């Protein structure tokens, strides 16, 4: 019999999870345009969660075509602070919603003393 996975409630309380971010306004546009839209939304969402992109600890990125990796990566690198990029994995997903070239999930630590707004 398998035991139930244990979750560190303190860790969960100190992190912001933003799963499933896809483009809305730029659906069908270039990977760069879609990536920039998603990253701008992530900036806003992280701010509301009491943190920012410098605190991202993990990012998973799904591309409808891995051939667009370099295009996505240029937008990502331009967006990331000089302190460097977090752990990141990129996958190909042919089943993204129609006209969506990219999906991004991130997890970020909340800044000390910050909570959900």
C-alpha atoms as a PDB file:
ATOM      1  CA  UNK A   1       0.000   0.000   0.000  1.00  0.00           C
ATOM      2  CA  UNK A   2       1.349   3.405  -0.941  1.00  0.00           C
ATOM      3  CA  UNK A   3       1.309   6.172   1.612  1.00  0.00           C
ATOM      4  CA  UNK A   4      -0.136   9.592   0.964  1.00  0.00           C
ATOM      5  CA  UNK A   5       2.404  12.146  -0.242  1.00  0.00           C
ATOM      6  CA  UNK A   6       3.342  14.637   2.412  1.00  0.00           C
ATOM      7  CA  UNK A   7       3.303  18.323   1.614  1.00  0.00           C
ATOM      8  CA  UNK A   8       5.258  20.954   3.489  1.00  0.00           C
ATOM      9  CA  UNK A   9       2.524  23.526   4.163  1.00  0.00           C
ATOM     10  CA  UNK A  10       5.127  26.179   4.986  1.00  0.00           C
ATOM     11  CA  UNK A  11       6.751  25.748   1.592  1.00  0.00           C
ATOM     12  CA  UNK A  12       3.383  25.994  -0.162  1.00  0.00           C
ATOM     13  CA  UNK A  13       2.453  29.143   1.741  1.00  0.00           C
ATOM     14  CA  UNK A  14       5.705  30.778   0.702  1.00  0.00           C
ATOM     15  CA  UNK A  15       5.321  30.098  -3.021  1.00  0.00           C
ATOM     16  CA  UNK A  16       3.185  31.442  -5.842  1.00  0.00           C
ATOM     17  CA  UNK A  17       2.158  28.978  -8.531  1.00  0.00           C
ATOM     18  CA  UNK A  18       1.054  30.266 -11.942  1.00  0.00           C
ATOM     19  CA  UNK A  19       0.179  27.271 -14.108  1.00  0.00           C
ATOM     20  CA  UNK A  20      -1.156  27.144 -17.652  1.00  0.00           C
ATOM     21  CA  UNK A  21      -0.372  30.619 -18.947  1.00  0.00           C
ATOM     22  CA  UNK A  22      -1.208  30.890 -22.652  1.00  0.00           C
ATOM     23  CA  UNK A  23      -1.610  33.854 -24.981  1.00  0.00           C
ATOM     24  CA  UNK A  24      -5.021  35.470 -25.331  1.00  0.00           C
ATOM     25  CA  UNK A  25      -4.545  38.690 -27.287  1.00  0.00           C
ATOM     26  CA  UNK A  26      -1.742  37.388 -29.498  1.00  0.00           C
ATOM     27  CA  UNK A  27      -3.094  33.899 -30.235  1.00  0.00           C
ATOM     28  CA  UNK A  28      -2.041  32.971 -33.745  1.00  0.00           C
ATOM     29  CA  UNK A  29       0.773  35.546 -33.767  1.00  0.00           C
ATOM     30  CA  UNK A  30       4.501  34.744 -33.613  1.00  0.00           C
ATOM     31  CA  UNK A  31       6.072  32.789 -30.757  1.00  0.00           C
ATOM     32  CA  UNK A  32       7.822  36.017 -29.730  1.00  0.00           C
ATOM     33  CA  UNK A  33       4.548  37.952 -29.499  1.00  0.00           C
ATOM     34  CA  UNK A  34       2.828  35.158 -27.569  1.00  0.00           C
ATOM     35  CA  UNK A  35       5.799  34.726 -25.230  1.00  0.00           C
ATOM     36  CA  UNK A  36       5.969  38.464 -24.510  1.00  0.00           C
ATOM     37  CA  UNK A  37       2.237  38.607 -23.747  1.00  0.00           C
ATOM     38  CA  UNK A  38       2.484  35.680 -21.346  1.00  0.00           C
ATOM     39  CA  UNK A  39       5.593  37.069 -19.623  1.00  0.00           C
ATOM     40  CA  UNK A  40       3.927  40.467 -19.124  1.00  0.00           C
ATOM     41  CA  UNK A  41       0.940  38.701 -17.522  1.00  0.00           C
ATOM     42  CA  UNK A  42       3.279  36.661 -15.312  1.00  0.00           C
ATOM     43  CA  UNK A  43       4.936  39.911 -14.152  1.00  0.00           C
ATOM     44  CA  UNK A  44       1.518  41.285 -13.132  1.00  0.00           C
ATOM     45  CA  UNK A  45       0.420  38.053 -11.455  1.00  0.00           C
ATOM     46  CA  UNK A  46       3.670  37.730  -9.513  1.00  0.00           C
ATOM     47  CA  UNK A  47       3.324  41.301  -8.262  1.00  0.00           C
ATOM     48  CA  UNK A  48      -0.185  40.511  -6.989  1.00  0.00           C
ATOM     49  CA  UNK A  49       1.278  37.448  -5.247  1.00  0.00           C
ATOM     50  CA  UNK A  50       3.885  39.537  -3.434  1.00  0.00           C
ATOM     51  CA  UNK A  51       6.894  38.564  -5.513  1.00  0.00           C
ATOM     52  CA  UNK A  52       8.565  39.143  -8.887  1.00  0.00           C
ATOM     53  CA  UNK A  53      10.425  37.316 -11.657  1.00  0.00           C
ATOM     54  CA  UNK A  54      13.725  37.456  -9.755  1.00  0.00           C
ATOM     55  CA  UNK A  55      12.142  34.995  -7.295  1.00  0.00           C
ATOM     56  CA  UNK A  56      11.089  32.373  -9.879  1.00  0.00           C
ATOM     57  CA  UNK A  57      12.410  29.002  -8.783  1.00  0.00           C
ATOM     58  CA  UNK A  58      10.975  26.810 -11.537  1.00  0.00           C
ATOM     59  CA  UNK A  59       9.553  27.253 -15.026  1.00  0.00           C
ATOM     60  CA  UNK A  60       8.087  24.693 -17.410  1.00  0.00           C
ATOM     61  CA  UNK A  61       7.511  25.746 -20.990  1.00  0.00           C
ATOM     62  CA  UNK A  62       5.526  23.863 -23.601  1.00  0.00           C
ATOM     63  CA  UNK A  63       5.973  24.715 -27.276  1.00  0.00           C
ATOM     64  CA  UNK A  64       3.722  23.433 -30.042  1.00  0.00           C
ATOM     65  CA  UNK A  65       6.900  23.027 -32.116  1.00  0.00           C
ATOM     66  CA  UNK A  66      10.364  22.680 -30.573  1.00  0.00           C
ATOM     67  CA  UNK A  67      11.774  24.308 -33.711  1.00  0.00           C
ATOM     68  CA  UNK A  68      10.579  27.618 -32.179  1.00  0.00           C
ATOM     69  CA  UNK A  69      12.791  27.159 -29.092  1.00  0.00           C
ATOM     70  CA  UNK A  70      15.352  29.810 -30.091  1.00  0.00           C
ATOM     71  CA  UNK A  71      12.619  32.389 -30.779  1.00  0.00           C
ATOM     72  CA  UNK A  72      11.029  31.733 -27.368  1.00  0.00           C
ATOM     73  CA  UNK A  73      14.428  31.703 -25.682  1.00  0.00           C
ATOM     74  CA  UNK A  74      15.355  35.164 -27.006  1.00  0.00           C
ATOM     75  CA  UNK A  75      12.151  36.618 -25.515  1.00  0.00           C
ATOM     76  CA  UNK A  76      12.705  34.730 -22.244  1.00  0.00           C
ATOM     77  CA  UNK A  77      16.331  35.886 -21.927  1.00  0.00           C
ATOM     78  CA  UNK A  78      15.367  39.511 -22.619  1.00  0.00           C
ATOM     79  CA  UNK A  79      12.715  39.283 -19.879  1.00  0.00           C
ATOM     80  CA  UNK A  80      14.820  37.615 -17.165  1.00  0.00           C
ATOM     81  CA  UNK A  81      16.787  39.808 -14.754  1.00  0.00           C
ATOM     82  CA  UNK A  82      20.571  39.850 -14.896  1.00  0.00           C
ATOM     83  CA  UNK A  83      20.668  37.585 -11.833  1.00  0.00           C
ATOM     84  CA  UNK A  84      20.017  34.646 -14.155  1.00  0.00           C
ATOM     85  CA  UNK A  85      17.363  32.223 -15.201  1.00  0.00           C
ATOM     86  CA  UNK A  86      15.738  29.695 -12.868  1.00  0.00           C
ATOM     87  CA  UNK A  87      15.567  25.955 -13.423  1.00  0.00           C
ATOM     88  CA  UNK A  88      13.632  25.565 -16.616  1.00  0.00           C
ATOM     89  CA  UNK A  89      12.460  22.708 -18.773  1.00  0.00           C
ATOM     90  CA  UNK A  90      11.024  23.023 -22.273  1.00  0.00           C
ATOM     91  CA  UNK A  91       8.819  20.397 -23.883  1.00  0.00           C
ATOM     92  CA  UNK A  92       6.988  19.947 -27.145  1.00  0.00           C
ATOM     93  CA  UNK A  93       3.186  19.652 -26.892  1.00  0.00           C
ATOM     94  CA  UNK A  94       1.242  19.198 -30.110  1.00  0.00           C
ATOM     95  CA  UNK A  95      -2.012  19.408 -28.089  1.00  0.00           C
ATOM     96  CA  UNK A  96      -1.853  23.035 -26.977  1.00  0.00           C
ATOM     97  CA  UNK A  97      -5.088  24.991 -27.515  1.00  0.00           C
ATOM     98  CA  UNK A  98      -5.740  26.127 -31.109  1.00  0.00           C
ATOM     99  CA  UNK A  99      -3.452  28.933 -32.313  1.00  0.00           C
ATOM    100  CA  UNK A 100      -1.363  28.728 -29.091  1.00  0.00           C
ATOM    101  CA  UNK A 101       2.325  28.241 -29.755  1.00  0.00           C
ATOM    102  CA  UNK A 102       3.420  28.301 -26.106  1.00  0.00           C
ATOM    103  CA  UNK A 103       2.285  27.611 -22.550  1.00  0.00           C
ATOM    104  CA  UNK A 104       4.284  28.647 -19.480  1.00  0.00           C
ATOM    105  CA  UNK A 105       4.005  27.485 -15.855  1.00  0.00           C
ATOM    106  CA  UNK A 106       6.068  29.158 -13.142  1.00  0.00           C
ATOM    107  CA  UNK A 107       6.565  28.843  -9.401  1.00  0.00           C
ATOM    108  CA  UNK A 108       8.129  31.680  -7.422  1.00  0.00           C
ATOM    109  CA  UNK A 109       9.085  32.252  -3.817  1.00  0.00           C
ATOM    110  CA  UNK A 110       7.191  35.034  -2.115  1.00  0.00           C
ATOM    111  CA  UNK A 111       9.399  37.793  -0.793  1.00  0.00           C
ATOM    112  CA  UNK A 112       9.926  37.745   2.960  1.00  0.00           C
ATOM    113  CA  UNK A 113       6.916  39.158   4.758  1.00  0.00           C
ATOM    114  CA  UNK A 114       4.741  39.148   1.638  1.00  0.00           C
ATOM    115  CA  UNK A 115       1.499  37.279   1.351  1.00  0.00           C
ATOM    116  CA  UNK A 116      -1.275  36.945  -1.101  1.00  0.00           C
ATOM    117  CA  UNK A 117      -2.958  40.189  -2.028  1.00  0.00           C
END
